[in-house]
Amino acid sequence: MRPILAATGVLIAFLLPGIARAAEPEACPRLVAGREEVRIWRAATSQDVTRVTFKGHATFLIESAKGVRAATDYNDHVHVPLPLDAVTMNKAHSTHYTDSPDPRIRQILRGWNPRGGDVEHDVRIDDLRIRNVQTNIRDWMGGTEYLGNSIFVFETGQMCIAHLGHLHHDLTAEHLRRLGQIDVLLVPVDGGYTLGQAGMMDVIAKISPRIVVPMHFFGPSTLERFLNLARERFDIERREKPELVLVKETLPVKTRVIVLPGRH
């Protein structure tokens, strides 16, 4: 009898991690079927619409269908008007964070731990979920500061929007697993302060989003170098207004790079 109980206990112990994982909500689940399949289109309603507005450099305002407002890489240089329900920040430069955020902001999410080590965010504000996946950055001496950057993922309207922050290196299989299937990717493309442009193209290909928005490129010549690489793989579109109005069902099937105007 005891061997049977012992074996049962081992089996339960073996299965429990899988059971626990199955109970967790999957983050940005990857689609089983390919993008080439026939999709059902329907008219968008106000409950479907997510807005992403470029504010400058690496800062975007993300607005959910229920009016939740979050700003990326919130800092003292790019103005985003209140109210703001949440802001995310990254450490690399002062144009990506502030030490004095407005106290009226409900959630202030730093992409690094000021004491060092891990930091994990997973917050929900009405119909918006914000979580992070940490990466490393170069320090000022040319070394590596582990876990100094975060990719922030914004889940709303059945879509996943990821901001790569100040990404300095390629992504591992574990990074990609934790990100899940990203629909809209906000990408630094300067090619020097962050990961080189060829490397960033590989990152985009691995993530395989529907929309790529280049940011953090400082001038038109740097942007054009990136676009010359991108058009070998992706469609290119330029917008006259610095805003995306997003509905899951109307996202492009093939990855599209959309350039938004503004100060980069």
C-alpha atoms as a PDB file:
ATOM      1  CA  MET A   1       0.000   0.000   0.000  1.00  0.00           C
ATOM      2  CA  ARG A   2       2.780   2.399   0.910  1.00  0.00           C
ATOM      3  CA  PRO A   3       4.587   2.006  -2.434  1.00  0.00           C
ATOM      4  CA  ILE A   4       1.323   2.861  -4.214  1.00  0.00           C
ATOM      5  CA  LEU A   5       0.859   5.975  -2.072  1.00  0.00           C
ATOM      6  CA  ALA A   6       4.451   6.968  -2.629  1.00  0.00           C
ATOM      7  CA  ALA A   7       4.131   6.539  -6.382  1.00  0.00           C
ATOM      8  CA  THR A   8       0.899   8.537  -6.359  1.00  0.00           C
ATOM      9  CA  GLY A   9       2.633  11.303  -4.447  1.00  0.00           C
ATOM     10  CA  VAL A  10       5.470  11.403  -6.969  1.00  0.00           C
ATOM     11  CA  LEU A  11       2.982  11.550  -9.841  1.00  0.00           C
ATOM     12  CA  ILE A  12       1.065  14.426  -8.224  1.00  0.00           C
ATOM     13  CA  ALA A  13       4.288  16.310  -7.519  1.00  0.00           C
ATOM     14  CA  PHE A  14       5.328  15.829 -11.141  1.00  0.00           C
ATOM     15  CA  LEU A  15       1.991  17.052 -12.497  1.00  0.00           C
ATOM     16  CA  LEU A  16       1.440  20.010 -10.163  1.00  0.00           C
ATOM     17  CA  PRO A  17       3.726  22.475 -12.000  1.00  0.00           C
ATOM     18  CA  GLY A  18       1.927  21.718 -15.253  1.00  0.00           C
ATOM     19  CA  ILE A  19      -1.447  22.068 -13.559  1.00  0.00           C
ATOM     20  CA  ALA A  20      -0.412  25.414 -12.062  1.00  0.00           C
ATOM     21  CA  ARG A  21       0.792  26.664 -15.437  1.00  0.00           C
ATOM     22  CA  ALA A  22      -2.432  25.578 -17.075  1.00  0.00           C
ATOM     23  CA  ALA A  23      -4.386  27.568 -14.505  1.00  0.00           C
ATOM     24  CA  GLU A  24      -2.483  30.772 -15.278  1.00  0.00           C
ATOM     25  CA  PRO A  25      -3.943  33.036 -17.985  1.00  0.00           C
ATOM     26  CA  GLU A  26      -1.802  32.789 -21.110  1.00  0.00           C
ATOM     27  CA  ALA A  27      -0.105  36.060 -21.969  1.00  0.00           C
ATOM     28  CA  CYS A  28      -0.582  37.171 -25.577  1.00  0.00           C
ATOM     29  CA  PRO A  29      -1.262  33.621 -26.818  1.00  0.00           C
ATOM     30  CA  ARG A  30       0.301  32.673 -30.126  1.00  0.00           C
ATOM     31  CA  LEU A  31      -2.168  31.647 -32.805  1.00  0.00           C
ATOM     32  CA  VAL A  32      -2.193  27.988 -33.810  1.00  0.00           C
ATOM     33  CA  ALA A  33      -3.360  28.694 -37.343  1.00  0.00           C
ATOM     34  CA  GLY A  34      -1.276  30.660 -39.797  1.00  0.00           C
ATOM     35  CA  ARG A  35      -1.961  34.221 -40.853  1.00  0.00           C
ATOM     36  CA  GLU A  36      -2.777  33.070 -44.371  1.00  0.00           C
ATOM     37  CA  GLU A  37      -6.036  31.482 -43.205  1.00  0.00           C
ATOM     38  CA  VAL A  38      -9.349  33.123 -44.118  1.00  0.00           C
ATOM     39  CA  ARG A  39     -10.386  35.491 -41.343  1.00  0.00           C
ATOM     40  CA  ILE A  40     -13.868  36.662 -40.392  1.00  0.00           C
ATOM     41  CA  TRP A  41     -14.166  40.449 -40.595  1.00  0.00           C
ATOM     42  CA  ARG A  42     -16.692  42.427 -38.621  1.00  0.00           C
ATOM     43  CA  ALA A  43     -17.419  46.086 -38.088  1.00  0.00           C
ATOM     44  CA  ALA A  44     -15.470  47.700 -35.255  1.00  0.00           C
ATOM     45  CA  THR A  45     -17.338  49.110 -32.283  1.00  0.00           C
ATOM     46  CA  SER A  46     -16.198  51.596 -29.663  1.00  0.00           C
ATOM     47  CA  GLN A  47     -15.484  48.643 -27.367  1.00  0.00           C
ATOM     48  CA  ASP A  48     -12.821  47.352 -29.774  1.00  0.00           C
ATOM     49  CA  VAL A  49     -10.749  50.465 -30.417  1.00  0.00           C
ATOM     50  CA  THR A  50      -7.307  51.082 -28.920  1.00  0.00           C
ATOM     51  CA  ARG A  51      -5.382  54.275 -29.683  1.00  0.00           C
ATOM     52  CA  VAL A  52      -1.604  54.609 -29.740  1.00  0.00           C
ATOM     53  CA  THR A  53      -0.300  58.162 -30.113  1.00  0.00           C
ATOM     54  CA  PHE A  54       3.367  59.027 -30.571  1.00  0.00           C
ATOM     55  CA  LYS A  55       4.410  61.840 -28.216  1.00  0.00           C
ATOM     56  CA  GLY A  56       8.123  62.007 -28.943  1.00  0.00           C
ATOM     57  CA  HIS A  57      11.431  60.088 -28.807  1.00  0.00           C
ATOM     58  CA  ALA A  58      10.301  56.827 -27.139  1.00  0.00           C
ATOM     59  CA  THR A  59       7.088  57.990 -25.475  1.00  0.00           C
ATOM     60  CA  PHE A  60       3.671  56.819 -26.632  1.00  0.00           C
ATOM     61  CA  LEU A  61       0.243  57.348 -25.121  1.00  0.00           C
ATOM     62  CA  ILE A  62      -1.814  54.144 -25.121  1.00  0.00           C
ATOM     63  CA  GLU A  63      -5.562  54.545 -24.577  1.00  0.00           C
ATOM     64  CA  SER A  64      -7.849  51.573 -24.055  1.00  0.00           C
ATOM     65  CA  ALA A  65     -11.461  51.353 -25.193  1.00  0.00           C
ATOM     66  CA  LYS A  66     -12.616  52.128 -21.646  1.00  0.00           C
ATOM     67  CA  GLY A  67     -10.421  55.211 -21.427  1.00  0.00           C
ATOM     68  CA  VAL A  68      -7.458  53.870 -19.447  1.00  0.00           C
ATOM     69  CA  ARG A  69      -4.400  55.993 -20.315  1.00  0.00           C
ATOM     70  CA  ALA A  70      -0.793  54.783 -20.075  1.00  0.00           C
ATOM     71  CA  ALA A  71       2.431  56.442 -21.234  1.00  0.00           C
ATOM     72  CA  THR A  72       5.622  54.621 -22.173  1.00  0.00           C
ATOM     73  CA  ASP A  73       9.152  55.737 -21.204  1.00  0.00           C
ATOM     74  CA  TYR A  74       7.694  58.624 -19.201  1.00  0.00           C
ATOM     75  CA  ASN A  75      10.274  61.389 -18.566  1.00  0.00           C
ATOM     76  CA  ASP A  76      10.846  65.083 -17.919  1.00  0.00           C
ATOM     77  CA  HIS A  77      11.463  65.976 -21.580  1.00  0.00           C
ATOM     78  CA  VAL A  78       8.354  64.733 -23.428  1.00  0.00           C
ATOM     79  CA  HIS A  79       5.024  66.104 -22.226  1.00  0.00           C
ATOM     80  CA  VAL A  80       2.062  63.766 -21.868  1.00  0.00           C
ATOM     81  CA  PRO A  81      -1.015  65.479 -20.392  1.00  0.00           C
ATOM     82  CA  LEU A  82      -2.813  64.118 -17.359  1.00  0.00           C
ATOM     83  CA  PRO A  83      -4.791  62.173 -16.420  1.00  0.00           C
ATOM     84  CA  LEU A  84      -2.522  59.133 -16.675  1.00  0.00           C
ATOM     85  CA  ASP A  85      -3.466  55.863 -15.047  1.00  0.00           C
ATOM     86  CA  ALA A  86      -0.026  54.304 -15.516  1.00  0.00           C
ATOM     87  CA  VAL A  87       3.444  55.127 -16.789  1.00  0.00           C
ATOM     88  CA  THR A  88       6.359  52.864 -17.614  1.00  0.00           C
ATOM     89  CA  MET A  89      10.032  53.864 -17.515  1.00  0.00           C
ATOM     90  CA  ASN A  90      13.434  52.537 -18.520  1.00  0.00           C
ATOM     91  CA  LYS A  91      16.823  53.303 -17.062  1.00  0.00           C
ATOM     92  CA  ALA A  92      19.327  53.827 -19.879  1.00  0.00           C
ATOM     93  CA  HIS A  93      18.997  57.624 -20.263  1.00  0.00           C
ATOM     94  CA  SER A  94      17.069  60.482 -18.698  1.00  0.00           C
ATOM     95  CA  THR A  95      14.864  60.683 -21.788  1.00  0.00           C
ATOM     96  CA  HIS A  96      13.365  57.359 -20.709  1.00  0.00           C
ATOM     97  CA  TYR A  97      12.585  57.987 -17.037  1.00  0.00           C
ATOM     98  CA  THR A  98      12.140  60.604 -14.337  1.00  0.00           C
ATOM     99  CA  ASP A  99      12.910  60.620 -10.635  1.00  0.00           C
ATOM    100  CA  SER A 100       9.951  62.919  -9.993  1.00  0.00           C
ATOM    101  CA  PRO A 101       6.823  61.561 -11.691  1.00  0.00           C
ATOM    102  CA  ASP A 102       3.578  63.401 -11.066  1.00  0.00           C
ATOM    103  CA  PRO A 103       2.113  62.022  -7.803  1.00  0.00           C
ATOM    104  CA  ARG A 104      -1.360  61.924  -9.357  1.00  0.00           C
ATOM    105  CA  ILE A 105      -0.342  59.031 -11.613  1.00  0.00           C
ATOM    106  CA  ARG A 106      -1.918  55.826 -10.270  1.00  0.00           C
ATOM    107  CA  GLN A 107       0.733  53.292 -11.296  1.00  0.00           C
ATOM    108  CA  ILE A 108       4.445  54.061 -11.804  1.00  0.00           C
ATOM    109  CA  LEU A 109       6.238  51.066 -13.265  1.00  0.00           C
ATOM    110  CA  ARG A 110      10.036  51.185 -13.464  1.00  0.00           C
ATOM    111  CA  GLY A 111      11.636  48.679 -15.784  1.00  0.00           C
ATOM    112  CA  TRP A 112      14.506  48.030 -13.399  1.00  0.00           C
ATOM    113  CA  ASN A 113      14.918  47.390  -9.709  1.00  0.00           C
ATOM    114  CA  PRO A 114      16.742  50.348  -8.054  1.00  0.00           C
ATOM    115  CA  ARG A 115      18.183  47.847  -5.548  1.00  0.00           C
ATOM    116  CA  GLY A 116      19.342  45.528  -8.327  1.00  0.00           C
ATOM    117  CA  GLY A 117      17.981  42.205  -9.513  1.00  0.00           C
ATOM    118  CA  ASP A 118      14.554  41.269 -10.765  1.00  0.00           C
ATOM    119  CA  VAL A 119      11.474  43.424 -10.925  1.00  0.00           C
ATOM    120  CA  GLU A 120       8.165  41.972 -12.028  1.00  0.00           C
ATOM    121  CA  HIS A 121       5.106  44.008 -12.951  1.00  0.00           C
ATOM    122  CA  ASP A 122       1.705  42.603 -13.792  1.00  0.00           C
ATOM    123  CA  VAL A 123      -1.025  45.134 -13.139  1.00  0.00           C
ATOM    124  CA  ARG A 124      -4.584  45.457 -14.394  1.00  0.00           C
ATOM    125  CA  ILE A 125      -6.465  48.723 -14.646  1.00  0.00           C
ATOM    126  CA  ASP A 126      -9.967  48.078 -15.931  1.00  0.00           C
ATOM    127  CA  ASP A 127      -9.504  46.758 -19.492  1.00  0.00           C
ATOM    128  CA  LEU A 128      -5.711  47.287 -19.643  1.00  0.00           C
ATOM    129  CA  ARG A 129      -3.083  44.837 -18.399  1.00  0.00           C
ATOM    130  CA  ILE A 130       0.586  45.911 -18.207  1.00  0.00           C
ATOM    131  CA  ARG A 131       3.441  43.472 -17.628  1.00  0.00           C
ATOM    132  CA  ASN A 132       7.184  43.436 -18.260  1.00  0.00           C
ATOM    133  CA  VAL A 133       9.948  41.205 -19.557  1.00  0.00           C
ATOM    134  CA  GLN A 134      13.407  42.271 -18.382  1.00  0.00           C
ATOM    135  CA  THR A 135      16.519  42.503 -20.573  1.00  0.00           C
ATOM    136  CA  ASN A 136      20.068  43.785 -20.032  1.00  0.00           C
ATOM    137  CA  ILE A 137      21.694  47.093 -20.953  1.00  0.00           C
ATOM    138  CA  ARG A 138      25.256  48.309 -21.473  1.00  0.00           C
ATOM    139  CA  ASP A 139      26.614  50.402 -18.628  1.00  0.00           C
ATOM    140  CA  TRP A 140      28.636  53.592 -19.048  1.00  0.00           C
ATOM    141  CA  MET A 141      31.911  51.641 -18.788  1.00  0.00           C
ATOM    142  CA  GLY A 142      31.022  49.329 -21.650  1.00  0.00           C
ATOM    143  CA  GLY A 143      30.053  46.427 -19.423  1.00  0.00           C
ATOM    144  CA  THR A 144      26.673  44.815 -18.888  1.00  0.00           C
ATOM    145  CA  GLU A 145      24.069  45.873 -16.380  1.00  0.00           C
ATOM    146  CA  TYR A 146      21.877  42.855 -15.994  1.00  0.00           C
ATOM    147  CA  LEU A 147      18.102  43.388 -15.978  1.00  0.00           C
ATOM    148  CA  GLY A 148      18.439  47.146 -16.480  1.00  0.00           C
ATOM    149  CA  ASN A 149      15.736  47.395 -19.153  1.00  0.00           C
ATOM    150  CA  SER A 150      12.204  46.086 -19.540  1.00  0.00           C
ATOM    151  CA  ILE A 151      10.075  45.337 -22.539  1.00  0.00           C
ATOM    152  CA  PHE A 152       6.615  46.440 -21.423  1.00  0.00           C
ATOM    153  CA  VAL A 153       3.590  44.659 -22.837  1.00  0.00           C
ATOM    154  CA  PHE A 154       0.171  46.331 -22.894  1.00  0.00           C
ATOM    155  CA  GLU A 155      -2.764  43.962 -23.342  1.00  0.00           C
ATOM    156  CA  THR A 156      -6.126  45.469 -24.263  1.00  0.00           C
ATOM    157  CA  GLY A 157      -8.823  45.033 -26.880  1.00  0.00           C
ATOM    158  CA  GLN A 158      -7.654  41.455 -27.487  1.00  0.00           C
ATOM    159  CA  MET A 159      -4.350  42.894 -28.685  1.00  0.00           C
ATOM    160  CA  CYS A 160      -0.819  42.923 -27.324  1.00  0.00           C
ATOM    161  CA  ILE A 161       1.349  46.014 -27.786  1.00  0.00           C
ATOM    162  CA  ALA A 162       5.035  45.750 -26.820  1.00  0.00           C
ATOM    163  CA  HIS A 163       7.499  48.606 -26.278  1.00  0.00           C
ATOM    164  CA  LEU A 164      11.094  47.337 -26.560  1.00  0.00           C
ATOM    165  CA  GLY A 165      12.444  50.148 -24.397  1.00  0.00           C
ATOM    166  CA  HIS A 166      16.224  50.596 -24.689  1.00  0.00           C
ATOM    167  CA  LEU A 167      16.943  47.122 -26.038  1.00  0.00           C
ATOM    168  CA  HIS A 168      20.671  46.384 -26.373  1.00  0.00           C
ATOM    169  CA  HIS A 169      20.789  42.703 -27.369  1.00  0.00           C
ATOM    170  CA  ASP A 170      19.064  39.876 -29.178  1.00  0.00           C
ATOM    171  CA  LEU A 171      16.172  38.073 -27.502  1.00  0.00           C
ATOM    172  CA  THR A 172      16.355  34.518 -26.236  1.00  0.00           C
ATOM    173  CA  ALA A 173      13.724  31.822 -26.643  1.00  0.00           C
ATOM    174  CA  GLU A 174      12.685  32.500 -23.043  1.00  0.00           C
ATOM    175  CA  HIS A 175      12.173  36.210 -23.760  1.00  0.00           C
ATOM    176  CA  LEU A 176      10.013  35.321 -26.743  1.00  0.00           C
ATOM    177  CA  ARG A 177       8.013  32.789 -24.760  1.00  0.00           C
ATOM    178  CA  ARG A 178       7.263  35.349 -22.074  1.00  0.00           C
ATOM    179  CA  LEU A 179       6.303  37.998 -24.613  1.00  0.00           C
ATOM    180  CA  GLY A 180       3.852  35.764 -26.449  1.00  0.00           C
ATOM    181  CA  GLN A 181       2.297  36.837 -29.742  1.00  0.00           C
ATOM    182  CA  ILE A 182       2.753  40.588 -30.091  1.00  0.00           C
ATOM    183  CA  ASP A 183       0.456  42.470 -32.454  1.00  0.00           C
ATOM    184  CA  VAL A 184       2.054  45.928 -32.380  1.00  0.00           C
ATOM    185  CA  LEU A 185       5.770  46.437 -31.716  1.00  0.00           C
ATOM    186  CA  LEU A 186       7.307  49.825 -30.817  1.00  0.00           C
ATOM    187  CA  VAL A 187      10.966  49.584 -31.843  1.00  0.00           C
ATOM    188  CA  PRO A 188      14.059  51.763 -31.236  1.00  0.00           C
ATOM    189  CA  VAL A 189      15.929  51.906 -34.559  1.00  0.00           C
ATOM    190  CA  ASP A 190      18.828  54.326 -33.963  1.00  0.00           C
ATOM    191  CA  GLY A 191      21.274  51.455 -34.437  1.00  0.00           C
ATOM    192  CA  GLY A 192      23.906  52.815 -32.054  1.00  0.00           C
ATOM    193  CA  TYR A 193      22.610  53.650 -28.593  1.00  0.00           C
ATOM    194  CA  THR A 194      20.424  50.540 -28.806  1.00  0.00           C
ATOM    195  CA  LEU A 195      20.856  47.291 -30.743  1.00  0.00           C
ATOM    196  CA  GLY A 196      22.241  47.661 -34.279  1.00  0.00           C
ATOM    197  CA  GLN A 197      19.680  47.915 -37.059  1.00  0.00           C
ATOM    198  CA  ALA A 198      20.460  44.500 -38.577  1.00  0.00           C
ATOM    199  CA  GLY A 199      20.117  42.911 -35.151  1.00  0.00           C
ATOM    200  CA  MET A 200      16.878  44.779 -34.541  1.00  0.00           C
ATOM    201  CA  MET A 201      15.528  43.456 -37.834  1.00  0.00           C
ATOM    202  CA  ASP A 202      16.200  39.930 -36.581  1.00  0.00           C
ATOM    203  CA  VAL A 203      14.374  40.716 -33.336  1.00  0.00           C
ATOM    204  CA  ILE A 204      11.372  41.972 -35.293  1.00  0.00           C
ATOM    205  CA  ALA A 205      11.373  38.826 -37.411  1.00  0.00           C
ATOM    206  CA  LYS A 206      11.443  36.620 -34.309  1.00  0.00           C
ATOM    207  CA  ILE A 207       8.571  38.469 -32.651  1.00  0.00           C
ATOM    208  CA  SER A 208       6.613  38.609 -35.942  1.00  0.00           C
ATOM    209  CA  PRO A 209       4.145  41.400 -35.088  1.00  0.00           C
ATOM    210  CA  ARG A 210       1.413  42.706 -37.388  1.00  0.00           C
ATOM    211  CA  ILE A 211       2.577  46.331 -37.058  1.00  0.00           C
ATOM    212  CA  VAL A 212       6.037  47.791 -36.359  1.00  0.00           C
ATOM    213  CA  VAL A 213       6.383  51.431 -35.328  1.00  0.00           C
ATOM    214  CA  PRO A 214       9.959  52.781 -35.486  1.00  0.00           C
ATOM    215  CA  MET A 215      11.014  55.231 -32.786  1.00  0.00           C
ATOM    216  CA  HIS A 216      14.192  56.612 -31.184  1.00  0.00           C
ATOM    217  CA  PHE A 217      16.107  57.324 -34.395  1.00  0.00           C
ATOM    218  CA  PHE A 218      17.140  60.999 -33.956  1.00  0.00           C
ATOM    219  CA  GLY A 219      16.906  61.993 -37.631  1.00  0.00           C
ATOM    220  CA  PRO A 220      15.604  61.122 -41.120  1.00  0.00           C
ATOM    221  CA  SER A 221      18.857  59.599 -42.407  1.00  0.00           C
ATOM    222  CA  THR A 222      18.885  56.985 -39.644  1.00  0.00           C
ATOM    223  CA  LEU A 223      15.229  56.213 -40.262  1.00  0.00           C
ATOM    224  CA  GLU A 224      15.854  55.764 -44.003  1.00  0.00           C
ATOM    225  CA  ARG A 225      18.683  53.284 -43.325  1.00  0.00           C
ATOM    226  CA  PHE A 226      16.287  51.265 -41.207  1.00  0.00           C
ATOM    227  CA  LEU A 227      13.514  51.446 -43.803  1.00  0.00           C
ATOM    228  CA  ASN A 228      15.904  50.294 -46.539  1.00  0.00           C
ATOM    229  CA  LEU A 229      16.498  47.145 -44.506  1.00  0.00           C
ATOM    230  CA  ALA A 230      12.844  46.774 -43.548  1.00  0.00           C
ATOM    231  CA  ARG A 231      11.374  46.991 -47.058  1.00  0.00           C
ATOM    232  CA  GLU A 232      13.278  43.828 -48.013  1.00  0.00           C
ATOM    233  CA  ARG A 233      10.930  41.928 -45.674  1.00  0.00           C
ATOM    234  CA  PHE A 234       7.957  44.106 -44.795  1.00  0.00           C
ATOM    235  CA  ASP A 235       5.446  46.573 -46.219  1.00  0.00           C
ATOM    236  CA  ILE A 236       6.109  50.260 -45.436  1.00  0.00           C
ATOM    237  CA  GLU A 237       3.528  52.947 -44.717  1.00  0.00           C
ATOM    238  CA  ARG A 238       3.911  56.579 -43.672  1.00  0.00           C
ATOM    239  CA  ARG A 239       1.164  58.357 -41.732  1.00  0.00           C
ATOM    240  CA  GLU A 240       0.370  62.068 -41.665  1.00  0.00           C
ATOM    241  CA  LYS A 241      -0.879  61.968 -38.075  1.00  0.00           C
ATOM    242  CA  PRO A 242       1.055  60.542 -35.092  1.00  0.00           C
ATOM    243  CA  GLU A 243      -1.718  58.128 -34.151  1.00  0.00           C
ATOM    244  CA  LEU A 244      -2.780  54.527 -34.682  1.00  0.00           C
ATOM    245  CA  VAL A 245      -6.418  53.549 -34.238  1.00  0.00           C
ATOM    246  CA  LEU A 246      -6.245  49.805 -33.695  1.00  0.00           C
ATOM    247  CA  VAL A 247      -8.846  47.086 -33.988  1.00  0.00           C
ATOM    248  CA  LYS A 248      -7.770  43.444 -33.724  1.00  0.00           C
ATOM    249  CA  GLU A 249      -9.777  42.223 -36.703  1.00  0.00           C
ATOM    250  CA  THR A 250      -8.410  44.862 -39.078  1.00  0.00           C
ATOM    251  CA  LEU A 251      -4.692  44.472 -38.361  1.00  0.00           C
ATOM    252  CA  PRO A 252      -2.651  43.731 -41.493  1.00  0.00           C
ATOM    253  CA  VAL A 253      -2.009  40.069 -42.250  1.00  0.00           C
ATOM    254  CA  LYS A 254       1.583  40.726 -43.370  1.00  0.00           C
ATOM    255  CA  THR A 255       3.892  42.681 -41.051  1.00  0.00           C
ATOM    256  CA  ARG A 256       3.732  46.387 -41.867  1.00  0.00           C
ATOM    257  CA  VAL A 257       6.133  49.125 -40.751  1.00  0.00           C
ATOM    258  CA  ILE A 258       4.177  52.306 -40.022  1.00  0.00           C
ATOM    259  CA  VAL A 259       6.143  55.549 -39.633  1.00  0.00           C
ATOM    260  CA  LEU A 260       4.484  58.151 -37.415  1.00  0.00           C
ATOM    261  CA  PRO A 261       5.486  61.832 -37.601  1.00  0.00           C
ATOM    262  CA  GLY A 262       6.951  63.637 -34.620  1.00  0.00           C
ATOM    263  CA  ARG A 263      10.158  64.411 -32.791  1.00  0.00           C
ATOM    264  CA  HIS A 264      12.286  61.292 -32.536  1.00  0.00           C
END
